[in-house]
Amino acid sequence: MSYEWHDLVGNLGVIGVLGTYLLVQMGRLDMRRPAYSGCNALAALLIIVSLLYDFNLSSFMIEIAWFLISLYGLVRWRLERRRGAHEGRAA
C-alpha cells in the first residue's frame, strides 16, 4: 500500500472532524457558533478530496451530507446575524 498526497488530505480531514468533536465535548467550542460548522465543512471537504482518488460510495455520501449540513449551519448563522443587525437598526 502506498501513501499518496490525497491520503494525507483525507487524514487531515479525519483529524479535523475528530478534533472538532473533541473540542465540543470539552466545552471549548460552541456548536452554535460558525467556527463549528466551518471546521466541519472544511474537514468534510478534505475527506471528499481523498475519496475522489480512492472512492467509497458510502463514505462519499456521508461526507457530502456532512458538508451540506455544515453549509446550512453557516448560512443559517449568517441570516440570523443579518436579521439581528436589521432589528437593531429599527429600534
N, C-alpha and C. Protein backbone atom coordinates (compact mmCIF):
# COMPACT_ATOMS: atom_id res chain seq x y z
N MET A 1 0.84 -1.18 0.00
CA MET A 1 0.00 0.00 0.00
C MET A 1 0.88 1.24 0.00
N SER A 2 0.57 2.17 -0.88
CA SER A 2 1.33 3.42 -0.93
C SER A 2 0.52 4.53 -0.26
N TYR A 3 1.23 5.51 0.24
CA TYR A 3 0.61 6.64 0.91
C TYR A 3 0.79 7.85 0.00
N GLU A 4 -0.32 8.32 -0.56
CA GLU A 4 -0.30 9.42 -1.53
C GLU A 4 -0.71 10.73 -0.85
N TRP A 5 -0.58 11.83 -1.58
CA TRP A 5 -0.94 13.14 -1.05
C TRP A 5 -2.42 13.20 -0.67
N HIS A 6 -3.27 12.53 -1.42
CA HIS A 6 -4.70 12.57 -1.12
C HIS A 6 -5.03 11.77 0.15
N ASP A 7 -4.19 10.80 0.49
CA ASP A 7 -4.35 10.10 1.76
C ASP A 7 -4.08 11.05 2.93
N LEU A 8 -3.05 11.86 2.78
CA LEU A 8 -2.73 12.86 3.80
C LEU A 8 -3.86 13.85 3.95
N VAL A 9 -4.40 14.33 2.84
CA VAL A 9 -5.51 15.28 2.87
C VAL A 9 -6.71 14.67 3.60
N GLY A 10 -7.04 13.43 3.28
CA GLY A 10 -8.14 12.74 3.94
C GLY A 10 -7.90 12.56 5.43
N ASN A 11 -6.66 12.21 5.79
CA ASN A 11 -6.33 12.04 7.21
C ASN A 11 -6.42 13.36 7.97
N LEU A 12 -6.04 14.46 7.33
CA LEU A 12 -6.20 15.77 7.95
C LEU A 12 -7.68 16.08 8.17
N GLY A 13 -8.52 15.67 7.22
CA GLY A 13 -9.96 15.84 7.37
C GLY A 13 -10.51 15.04 8.55
N VAL A 14 -10.04 13.81 8.69
CA VAL A 14 -10.47 12.98 9.82
C VAL A 14 -10.04 13.61 11.14
N ILE A 15 -8.81 14.10 11.20
CA ILE A 15 -8.33 14.78 12.40
C ILE A 15 -9.20 16.01 12.67
N GLY A 16 -9.60 16.71 11.61
CA GLY A 16 -10.45 17.88 11.78
C GLY A 16 -11.82 17.53 12.36
N VAL A 17 -12.44 16.48 11.85
CA VAL A 17 -13.75 16.06 12.36
C VAL A 17 -13.63 15.64 13.83
N LEU A 18 -12.65 14.80 14.11
CA LEU A 18 -12.48 14.31 15.48
C LEU A 18 -12.07 15.43 16.43
N GLY A 19 -11.19 16.31 15.97
CA GLY A 19 -10.77 17.43 16.81
C GLY A 19 -11.92 18.37 17.12
N THR A 20 -12.75 18.64 16.13
CA THR A 20 -13.91 19.50 16.35
C THR A 20 -14.85 18.87 17.37
N TYR A 21 -15.10 17.58 17.21
CA TYR A 21 -15.98 16.87 18.14
C TYR A 21 -15.39 16.89 19.56
N LEU A 22 -14.09 16.66 19.67
CA LEU A 22 -13.44 16.69 20.97
C LEU A 22 -13.57 18.07 21.62
N LEU A 23 -13.34 19.13 20.85
CA LEU A 23 -13.44 20.48 21.40
C LEU A 23 -14.86 20.79 21.88
N VAL A 24 -15.87 20.30 21.16
CA VAL A 24 -17.26 20.48 21.61
C VAL A 24 -17.47 19.75 22.93
N GLN A 25 -17.01 18.52 23.01
CA GLN A 25 -17.20 17.72 24.23
C GLN A 25 -16.46 18.32 25.42
N MET A 26 -15.34 18.98 25.16
CA MET A 26 -14.56 19.61 26.22
C MET A 26 -15.12 20.98 26.61
N GLY A 27 -16.13 21.44 25.88
CA GLY A 27 -16.71 22.76 26.16
C GLY A 27 -15.87 23.91 25.64
N ARG A 28 -14.95 23.63 24.72
CA ARG A 28 -14.07 24.67 24.17
C ARG A 28 -14.57 25.24 22.87
N LEU A 29 -15.60 24.60 22.28
CA LEU A 29 -16.16 25.06 21.00
C LEU A 29 -17.67 24.99 21.11
N ASP A 30 -18.32 26.09 20.80
CA ASP A 30 -19.78 26.19 20.87
C ASP A 30 -20.38 25.77 19.53
N MET A 31 -21.27 24.80 19.56
CA MET A 31 -21.88 24.29 18.33
C MET A 31 -22.74 25.34 17.63
N ARG A 32 -23.14 26.39 18.33
CA ARG A 32 -23.98 27.42 17.72
C ARG A 32 -23.17 28.50 17.01
N ARG A 33 -21.88 28.46 17.14
CA ARG A 33 -21.02 29.46 16.52
C ARG A 33 -20.55 28.97 15.15
N PRO A 34 -20.21 29.89 14.26
CA PRO A 34 -19.82 29.50 12.90
C PRO A 34 -18.53 28.69 12.83
N ALA A 35 -17.68 28.81 13.82
CA ALA A 35 -16.42 28.04 13.79
C ALA A 35 -16.70 26.54 13.76
N TYR A 36 -17.73 26.11 14.47
CA TYR A 36 -18.09 24.69 14.49
C TYR A 36 -18.47 24.20 13.10
N SER A 37 -19.40 24.90 12.47
CA SER A 37 -19.82 24.50 11.12
C SER A 37 -18.70 24.66 10.12
N GLY A 38 -17.90 25.70 10.27
CA GLY A 38 -16.78 25.91 9.36
C GLY A 38 -15.75 24.81 9.45
N CYS A 39 -15.41 24.41 10.67
CA CYS A 39 -14.45 23.31 10.85
C CYS A 39 -14.99 22.01 10.26
N ASN A 40 -16.27 21.74 10.50
CA ASN A 40 -16.88 20.52 9.97
C ASN A 40 -16.92 20.55 8.44
N ALA A 41 -17.26 21.68 7.86
CA ALA A 41 -17.32 21.79 6.40
C ALA A 41 -15.94 21.57 5.78
N LEU A 42 -14.94 22.21 6.35
CA LEU A 42 -13.57 22.06 5.84
C LEU A 42 -13.09 20.61 5.97
N ALA A 43 -13.33 20.01 7.12
CA ALA A 43 -12.90 18.62 7.33
C ALA A 43 -13.59 17.68 6.35
N ALA A 44 -14.89 17.87 6.16
CA ALA A 44 -15.63 17.03 5.22
C ALA A 44 -15.09 17.21 3.80
N LEU A 45 -14.79 18.45 3.45
CA LEU A 45 -14.26 18.73 2.11
C LEU A 45 -12.91 18.03 1.90
N LEU A 46 -12.07 18.03 2.91
CA LEU A 46 -10.78 17.35 2.81
C LEU A 46 -10.97 15.84 2.61
N ILE A 47 -11.91 15.27 3.33
CA ILE A 47 -12.18 13.84 3.18
C ILE A 47 -12.76 13.56 1.79
N ILE A 48 -13.62 14.45 1.31
CA ILE A 48 -14.19 14.28 -0.03
C ILE A 48 -13.09 14.27 -1.08
N VAL A 49 -12.12 15.17 -0.95
CA VAL A 49 -11.00 15.20 -1.90
C VAL A 49 -10.30 13.85 -1.93
N SER A 50 -10.03 13.30 -0.76
CA SER A 50 -9.35 12.00 -0.74
C SER A 50 -10.22 10.90 -1.34
N LEU A 51 -11.52 10.99 -1.15
CA LEU A 51 -12.43 9.97 -1.70
C LEU A 51 -12.54 10.06 -3.22
N LEU A 52 -12.25 11.20 -3.78
CA LEU A 52 -12.27 11.32 -5.24
C LEU A 52 -11.16 10.49 -5.87
N TYR A 53 -10.11 10.20 -5.10
CA TYR A 53 -8.98 9.42 -5.60
C TYR A 53 -9.08 7.95 -5.20
N ASP A 54 -9.75 7.69 -4.11
CA ASP A 54 -9.91 6.33 -3.60
C ASP A 54 -11.37 6.19 -3.18
N PHE A 55 -12.26 6.00 -4.17
CA PHE A 55 -13.70 6.16 -3.99
C PHE A 55 -14.33 5.06 -3.14
N ASN A 56 -15.24 5.50 -2.28
CA ASN A 56 -16.09 4.61 -1.49
C ASN A 56 -17.45 5.30 -1.40
N LEU A 57 -18.47 4.74 -2.01
CA LEU A 57 -19.77 5.40 -2.13
C LEU A 57 -20.37 5.76 -0.77
N SER A 58 -20.36 4.84 0.16
CA SER A 58 -20.96 5.12 1.47
C SER A 58 -20.25 6.28 2.17
N SER A 59 -18.94 6.26 2.17
CA SER A 59 -18.18 7.35 2.79
C SER A 59 -18.41 8.66 2.06
N PHE A 60 -18.47 8.60 0.75
CA PHE A 60 -18.70 9.81 -0.05
C PHE A 60 -20.06 10.42 0.28
N MET A 61 -21.08 9.58 0.39
CA MET A 61 -22.43 10.07 0.68
C MET A 61 -22.49 10.74 2.04
N ILE A 62 -21.88 10.15 3.04
CA ILE A 62 -21.95 10.76 4.38
C ILE A 62 -21.13 12.05 4.44
N GLU A 63 -20.04 12.12 3.73
CA GLU A 63 -19.23 13.35 3.73
C GLU A 63 -19.93 14.47 2.97
N ILE A 64 -20.62 14.14 1.89
CA ILE A 64 -21.41 15.16 1.18
C ILE A 64 -22.50 15.69 2.10
N ALA A 65 -23.18 14.79 2.81
CA ALA A 65 -24.23 15.21 3.74
C ALA A 65 -23.64 16.06 4.85
N TRP A 66 -22.51 15.65 5.41
CA TRP A 66 -21.84 16.40 6.49
C TRP A 66 -21.47 17.81 6.00
N PHE A 67 -20.95 17.88 4.78
CA PHE A 67 -20.58 19.17 4.20
C PHE A 67 -21.80 20.06 3.99
N LEU A 68 -22.87 19.52 3.42
CA LEU A 68 -24.08 20.31 3.16
C LEU A 68 -24.75 20.76 4.45
N ILE A 69 -24.80 19.90 5.44
CA ILE A 69 -25.38 20.29 6.73
C ILE A 69 -24.55 21.40 7.36
N SER A 70 -23.24 21.30 7.25
CA SER A 70 -22.37 22.35 7.79
C SER A 70 -22.57 23.67 7.07
N LEU A 71 -22.72 23.61 5.74
CA LEU A 71 -23.01 24.83 4.98
C LEU A 71 -24.34 25.43 5.40
N TYR A 72 -25.33 24.58 5.61
CA TYR A 72 -26.63 25.05 6.10
C TYR A 72 -26.46 25.80 7.42
N GLY A 73 -25.66 25.24 8.32
CA GLY A 73 -25.42 25.90 9.61
C GLY A 73 -24.76 27.25 9.44
N LEU A 74 -23.81 27.35 8.52
CA LEU A 74 -23.16 28.64 8.27
C LEU A 74 -24.12 29.67 7.68
N VAL A 75 -24.92 29.24 6.73
CA VAL A 75 -25.89 30.15 6.10
C VAL A 75 -26.93 30.60 7.13
N ARG A 76 -27.40 29.65 7.93
CA ARG A 76 -28.40 29.99 8.95
C ARG A 76 -27.83 31.00 9.95
N TRP A 77 -26.60 30.78 10.40
CA TRP A 77 -25.96 31.71 11.33
C TRP A 77 -25.85 33.10 10.70
N ARG A 78 -25.45 33.14 9.43
CA ARG A 78 -25.30 34.43 8.74
C ARG A 78 -26.63 35.15 8.61
N LEU A 79 -27.69 34.43 8.24
CA LEU A 79 -29.01 35.05 8.11
C LEU A 79 -29.53 35.55 9.45
N GLU A 80 -29.32 34.78 10.51
CA GLU A 80 -29.76 35.22 11.84
C GLU A 80 -28.98 36.44 12.29
N ARG A 81 -27.71 36.48 11.99
CA ARG A 81 -26.89 37.63 12.35
C ARG A 81 -27.34 38.88 11.59
N ARG A 82 -27.62 38.70 10.30
CA ARG A 82 -28.09 39.82 9.48
C ARG A 82 -29.46 40.31 9.99
N ARG A 83 -30.33 39.38 10.32
CA ARG A 83 -31.66 39.72 10.83
C ARG A 83 -31.54 40.50 12.13
N GLY A 84 -30.62 40.08 13.00
CA GLY A 84 -30.40 40.77 14.26
C GLY A 84 -29.86 42.17 14.05
N ALA A 85 -29.01 42.36 13.05
CA ALA A 85 -28.47 43.69 12.75
C ALA A 85 -29.56 44.61 12.25
N HIS A 86 -30.47 44.07 11.41
CA HIS A 86 -31.57 44.89 10.90
C HIS A 86 -32.54 45.25 12.01
N GLU A 87 -32.80 44.35 12.93
CA GLU A 87 -33.70 44.65 14.04
C GLU A 87 -33.08 45.67 14.98
N GLY A 88 -31.77 45.64 15.13
CA GLY A 88 -31.08 46.60 15.99
C GLY A 88 -31.15 48.01 15.44
N ARG A 89 -31.14 48.16 14.11
CA ARG A 89 -31.22 49.48 13.49
C ARG A 89 -32.63 50.04 13.56
N ALA A 90 -33.62 49.14 13.54
CA ALA A 90 -35.03 49.59 13.53
C ALA A 90 -35.45 50.09 14.90
N ALA A 91 -34.75 49.70 15.96
CA ALA A 91 -35.15 50.09 17.32
C ALA A 91 -34.75 51.50 17.65
